C-alpha atoms as a PDB file:
ATOM      1  CA  MET A   1       7.753  21.288 -12.115  1.00  0.00           C
ATOM      2  CA  ASN A   2       4.819  21.377 -14.549  1.00  0.00           C
ATOM      3  CA  HIS A   3       3.956  17.803 -13.597  1.00  0.00           C
ATOM      4  CA  LEU A   4       3.577  18.871  -9.950  1.00  0.00           C
ATOM      5  CA  LYS A   5       1.322  21.761 -10.959  1.00  0.00           C
ATOM      6  CA  GLU A   6      -0.864  19.338 -12.946  1.00  0.00           C
ATOM      7  CA  LEU A   7      -1.156  17.038  -9.923  1.00  0.00           C
ATOM      8  CA  VAL A   8      -2.187  19.882  -7.654  1.00  0.00           C
ATOM      9  CA  ALA A   9      -4.743  21.061 -10.203  1.00  0.00           C
ATOM     10  CA  SER A  10      -6.225  17.585 -10.630  1.00  0.00           C
ATOM     11  CA  PRO A  11     -10.007  17.335 -10.761  1.00  0.00           C
ATOM     12  CA  ILE A  12     -12.185  16.968  -7.686  1.00  0.00           C
ATOM     13  CA  PRO A  13     -13.065  13.310  -7.016  1.00  0.00           C
ATOM     14  CA  LEU A  14     -16.207  12.166  -8.809  1.00  0.00           C
ATOM     15  CA  LEU A  15     -17.114   9.190  -6.635  1.00  0.00           C
ATOM     16  CA  ASN A  16     -18.871   9.339  -3.270  1.00  0.00           C
ATOM     17  CA  GLN A  17     -15.891   9.479  -0.915  1.00  0.00           C
ATOM     18  CA  ASP A  18     -18.126   8.935   2.129  1.00  0.00           C
ATOM     19  CA  LYS A  19     -18.296   5.209   1.358  1.00  0.00           C
ATOM     20  CA  MET A  20     -16.009   2.654   3.044  1.00  0.00           C
ATOM     21  CA  PRO A  21     -16.854  -0.636   1.293  1.00  0.00           C
ATOM     22  CA  LEU A  22     -13.938  -2.727   2.522  1.00  0.00           C
ATOM     23  CA  PHE A  23     -14.124  -1.473   6.107  1.00  0.00           C
ATOM     24  CA  ASP A  24     -17.884  -1.967   6.229  1.00  0.00           C
ATOM     25  CA  SER A  25     -17.490  -5.542   4.943  1.00  0.00           C
ATOM     26  CA  LEU A  26     -14.773  -6.282   7.507  1.00  0.00           C
ATOM     27  CA  VAL A  27     -16.960  -5.010  10.341  1.00  0.00           C
ATOM     28  CA  GLU A  28     -19.913  -7.067   9.109  1.00  0.00           C
ATOM     29  CA  TYR A  29     -17.736 -10.191   8.817  1.00  0.00           C
ATOM     30  CA  ALA A  30     -16.209  -9.633  12.263  1.00  0.00           C
ATOM     31  CA  LYS A  31     -19.679  -9.518  13.820  1.00  0.00           C
ATOM     32  CA  GLN A  32     -20.501 -13.008  12.508  1.00  0.00           C
ATOM     33  CA  ASP A  33     -19.969 -16.164  14.553  1.00  0.00           C
ATOM     34  CA  VAL A  34     -17.031 -17.481  12.495  1.00  0.00           C
ATOM     35  CA  THR A  35     -14.523 -20.134  13.563  1.00  0.00           C
ATOM     36  CA  PRO A  36     -11.378 -19.522  11.503  1.00  0.00           C
ATOM     37  CA  PHE A  37      -9.060 -22.359  10.470  1.00  0.00           C
ATOM     38  CA  ASP A  38      -6.498 -20.228   8.644  1.00  0.00           C
ATOM     39  CA  VAL A  39      -4.032 -17.429   9.328  1.00  0.00           C
ATOM     40  CA  PRO A  40      -3.635 -15.056  11.118  1.00  0.00           C
ATOM     41  CA  GLY A  41      -2.926 -17.204  14.154  1.00  0.00           C
ATOM     42  CA  HIS A  42      -4.657 -15.057  16.754  1.00  0.00           C
ATOM     43  CA  LYS A  43      -7.994 -16.579  15.607  1.00  0.00           C
ATOM     44  CA  MET A  44      -9.910 -13.303  15.443  1.00  0.00           C
ATOM     45  CA  GLY A  45      -9.138 -12.480  19.092  1.00  0.00           C
ATOM     46  CA  SER A  46     -10.823 -15.559  20.565  1.00  0.00           C
ATOM     47  CA  ALA A  47      -8.135 -16.055  23.236  1.00  0.00           C
ATOM     48  CA  MET A  48      -6.970 -13.529  25.788  1.00  0.00           C
ATOM     49  CA  SER A  49      -3.565 -12.139  24.878  1.00  0.00           C
ATOM     50  CA  PRO A  50      -1.517  -8.966  25.363  1.00  0.00           C
ATOM     51  CA  LEU A  51      -2.346  -8.136  21.731  1.00  0.00           C
ATOM     52  CA  LYS A  52      -6.065  -8.347  22.446  1.00  0.00           C
ATOM     53  CA  GLU A  53      -5.679  -6.166  25.551  1.00  0.00           C
ATOM     54  CA  VAL A  54      -4.059  -3.407  23.480  1.00  0.00           C
ATOM     55  CA  LEU A  55      -5.991  -3.629  20.214  1.00  0.00           C
ATOM     56  CA  GLU A  56      -9.388  -4.629  21.585  1.00  0.00           C
ATOM     57  CA  GLU A  57     -11.348  -7.603  20.310  1.00  0.00           C
ATOM     58  CA  MET A  58     -12.975  -5.922  17.287  1.00  0.00           C
ATOM     59  CA  ALA A  59      -9.613  -5.013  15.722  1.00  0.00           C
ATOM     60  CA  LEU A  60      -8.489  -8.644  15.915  1.00  0.00           C
ATOM     61  CA  ARG A  61     -11.833  -9.925  14.605  1.00  0.00           C
ATOM     62  CA  MET A  62     -11.335  -7.715  11.529  1.00  0.00           C
ATOM     63  CA  ASP A  63      -7.791  -9.009  10.877  1.00  0.00           C
ATOM     64  CA  VAL A  64      -8.775 -11.831   8.556  1.00  0.00           C
ATOM     65  CA  ASN A  65      -7.762 -13.471   5.307  1.00  0.00           C
ATOM     66  CA  SER A  66      -9.530 -13.063   1.991  1.00  0.00           C
ATOM     67  CA  MET A  67     -12.917 -14.669   2.318  1.00  0.00           C
ATOM     68  CA  LYS A  68     -15.620 -14.668  -0.339  1.00  0.00           C
ATOM     69  CA  GLU A  69     -17.465 -11.970   1.604  1.00  0.00           C
ATOM     70  CA  LEU A  70     -14.322  -9.809   1.692  1.00  0.00           C
ATOM     71  CA  ASP A  71     -13.163 -10.155  -1.923  1.00  0.00           C
ATOM     72  CA  LEU A  72      -9.709 -11.289  -3.049  1.00  0.00           C
ATOM     73  CA  LEU A  73      -6.791  -8.854  -3.099  1.00  0.00           C
ATOM     74  CA  SER A  74      -5.051 -10.618  -5.993  1.00  0.00           C
ATOM     75  CA  HIS A  75      -8.180 -10.376  -8.184  1.00  0.00           C
ATOM     76  CA  PRO A  76     -10.604  -7.888  -6.630  1.00  0.00           C
ATOM     77  CA  GLN A  77     -14.151  -7.894  -7.979  1.00  0.00           C
ATOM     78  CA  SER A  78     -16.345  -6.474  -5.196  1.00  0.00           C
ATOM     79  CA  VAL A  79     -15.555  -4.507  -2.014  1.00  0.00           C
ATOM     80  CA  ILE A  80     -11.774  -4.343  -2.547  1.00  0.00           C
ATOM     81  CA  LYS A  81     -12.292  -3.283  -6.178  1.00  0.00           C
ATOM     82  CA  GLU A  82     -14.761  -0.606  -5.087  1.00  0.00           C
ATOM     83  CA  ALA A  83     -12.375   0.620  -2.363  1.00  0.00           C
ATOM     84  CA  GLN A  84      -9.449   0.745  -4.835  1.00  0.00           C
ATOM     85  CA  ASP A  85     -11.613   2.698  -7.313  1.00  0.00           C
ATOM     86  CA  LEU A  86     -12.499   5.168  -4.550  1.00  0.00           C
ATOM     87  CA  ALA A  87      -8.814   5.536  -3.632  1.00  0.00           C
ATOM     88  CA  ALA A  88      -7.811   6.122  -7.266  1.00  0.00           C
ATOM     89  CA  ASP A  89     -10.550   8.701  -7.642  1.00  0.00           C
ATOM     90  CA  ALA A  90      -9.527  10.476  -4.425  1.00  0.00           C
ATOM     91  CA  PHE A  91      -5.895  10.684  -5.590  1.00  0.00           C
ATOM     92  CA  GLY A  92      -6.763  11.632  -9.179  1.00  0.00           C
ATOM     93  CA  ALA A  93      -5.132   8.430 -10.462  1.00  0.00           C
ATOM     94  CA  GLU A  94      -6.299   5.985 -13.114  1.00  0.00           C
ATOM     95  CA  HIS A  95      -5.849   3.002 -10.766  1.00  0.00           C
ATOM     96  CA  ALA A  96      -5.014   2.243  -7.137  1.00  0.00           C
ATOM     97  CA  TYR A  97      -3.816  -1.118  -5.901  1.00  0.00           C
ATOM     98  CA  PHE A  98      -3.800  -2.143  -2.268  1.00  0.00           C
ATOM     99  CA  LEU A  99      -0.891  -4.212  -1.032  1.00  0.00           C
ATOM    100  CA  VAL A 100       0.032  -6.441   1.854  1.00  0.00           C
ATOM    101  CA  ASN A 101       3.299  -6.897   3.703  1.00  0.00           C
ATOM    102  CA  GLY A 102       3.762  -3.178   4.288  1.00  0.00           C
ATOM    103  CA  THR A 103       6.615  -1.112   2.941  1.00  0.00           C
ATOM    104  CA  THR A 104       8.636  -4.033   1.597  1.00  0.00           C
ATOM    105  CA  VAL A 105       6.127  -5.125  -1.043  1.00  0.00           C
ATOM    106  CA  GLY A 106       5.355  -1.520  -2.021  1.00  0.00           C
ATOM    107  CA  ILE A 107       9.007  -0.648  -2.583  1.00  0.00           C
ATOM    108  CA  GLN A 108       9.799  -3.870  -4.439  1.00  0.00           C
ATOM    109  CA  THR A 109       6.742  -3.464  -6.663  1.00  0.00           C
ATOM    110  CA  MET A 110       7.583   0.160  -7.424  1.00  0.00           C
ATOM    111  CA  ILE A 111      11.136  -0.728  -8.470  1.00  0.00           C
ATOM    112  CA  MET A 112      10.166  -3.823 -10.462  1.00  0.00           C
ATOM    113  CA  ALA A 113       7.379  -1.919 -12.257  1.00  0.00           C
ATOM    114  CA  THR A 114       9.674   0.887 -13.364  1.00  0.00           C
ATOM    115  CA  CYS A 115      13.125  -0.680 -13.819  1.00  0.00           C
ATOM    116  CA  LYS A 116      14.339  -3.288 -16.245  1.00  0.00           C
ATOM    117  CA  PRO A 117      17.684  -5.117 -16.284  1.00  0.00           C
ATOM    118  CA  GLY A 118      20.547  -2.677 -16.777  1.00  0.00           C
ATOM    119  CA  ASP A 119      18.589   0.464 -15.786  1.00  0.00           C
ATOM    120  CA  THR A 120      20.338   2.801 -13.355  1.00  0.00           C
ATOM    121  CA  LEU A 121      18.577   3.620 -10.103  1.00  0.00           C
ATOM    122  CA  LEU A 122      19.707   6.378  -7.739  1.00  0.00           C
ATOM    123  CA  VAL A 123      19.563   5.022  -4.203  1.00  0.00           C
ATOM    124  CA  PRO A 124      20.073   6.939  -0.962  1.00  0.00           C
ATOM    125  CA  ARG A 125      22.497   5.154   1.335  1.00  0.00           C
ATOM    126  CA  ASN A 126      19.942   5.166   4.134  1.00  0.00           C
ATOM    127  CA  GLY A 127      17.135   3.625   2.038  1.00  0.00           C
ATOM    128  CA  HIS A 128      14.899   0.821   3.268  1.00  0.00           C
ATOM    129  CA  LYS A 129      16.609  -2.590   2.989  1.00  0.00           C
ATOM    130  CA  SER A 130      13.887  -3.815   0.625  1.00  0.00           C
ATOM    131  CA  VAL A 131      15.250  -1.387  -1.999  1.00  0.00           C
ATOM    132  CA  MET A 132      18.206  -3.728  -2.522  1.00  0.00           C
ATOM    133  CA  ASP A 133      15.837  -6.684  -2.944  1.00  0.00           C
ATOM    134  CA  GLY A 134      13.881  -4.741  -5.565  1.00  0.00           C
ATOM    135  CA  ILE A 135      17.079  -3.809  -7.379  1.00  0.00           C
ATOM    136  CA  ILE A 136      18.239  -7.432  -7.431  1.00  0.00           C
ATOM    137  CA  LEU A 137      14.835  -8.688  -8.594  1.00  0.00           C
ATOM    138  CA  SER A 138      14.568  -6.044 -11.332  1.00  0.00           C
ATOM    139  CA  GLY A 139      18.139  -6.343 -12.573  1.00  0.00           C
ATOM    140  CA  ALA A 140      18.713  -2.601 -12.197  1.00  0.00           C
ATOM    141  CA  ARG A 141      22.096  -1.137 -11.270  1.00  0.00           C
ATOM    142  CA  PRO A 142      22.219   0.971  -8.087  1.00  0.00           C
ATOM    143  CA  VAL A 143      24.125   4.237  -7.896  1.00  0.00           C
ATOM    144  CA  PHE A 144      24.414   5.151  -4.247  1.00  0.00           C
ATOM    145  CA  MET A 145      24.222   8.797  -3.278  1.00  0.00           C
ATOM    146  CA  SER A 146      24.919  10.688  -0.113  1.00  0.00           C
ATOM    147  CA  THR A 147      21.904  11.337   2.047  1.00  0.00           C
ATOM    148  CA  MET A 148      22.997  14.943   2.456  1.00  0.00           C
ATOM    149  CA  CYS A 149      22.232  16.342  -0.994  1.00  0.00           C
ATOM    150  CA  THR A 150      19.979  18.835  -2.721  1.00  0.00           C
ATOM    151  CA  ILE A 151      18.788  18.406  -6.309  1.00  0.00           C
ATOM    152  CA  TYR A 152      18.167  21.607  -8.269  1.00  0.00           C
ATOM    153  CA  ASP A 153      16.263  22.252 -11.499  1.00  0.00           C
ATOM    154  CA  ASP A 154      16.690  25.704 -13.037  1.00  0.00           C
ATOM    155  CA  GLY A 155      17.457  27.183  -9.629  1.00  0.00           C
ATOM    156  CA  ASN A 156      14.460  25.566  -7.897  1.00  0.00           C
ATOM    157  CA  VAL A 157      14.942  22.951  -5.210  1.00  0.00           C
ATOM    158  CA  LEU A 158      13.318  19.720  -6.446  1.00  0.00           C
ATOM    159  CA  SER A 159      14.390  17.417  -3.673  1.00  0.00           C
ATOM    160  CA  MET A 160      16.348  17.439  -0.463  1.00  0.00           C
ATOM    161  CA  CYS A 161      17.623  13.993   0.333  1.00  0.00           C
END
């Protein structure tokens, strides 16, 4: 419980949280006359499609790969680095790392960063399917638990799963 109190009492962010470096760079890039020859396949919204009708052209123009102007997610040095630093500062963390591929990569990374072969990992039976991939990749051993449980610590409810 003390750890939770420390998190709540974390310092106020020190960086200017009004900045949006990655978003601003994406908007600027999307406004350029670029002809893409890479993924994603919707080519920045250049063709009419049901996706374009729903998301509008600007959203598709901003859905691009890592270009020099947009930094590189695997080794950020400019706008992505600045955006990650802002995120870390906002959350009171030492570092923040953006990810791609949604929940799957986040869950697998979390498990592989914290578990080594032979470690035991409590897993709810209704967990995301990528949890099993993370367990296999990390070498951890799953212990499945009922999804109808309450975990107590000195009489206080810590978690309701």
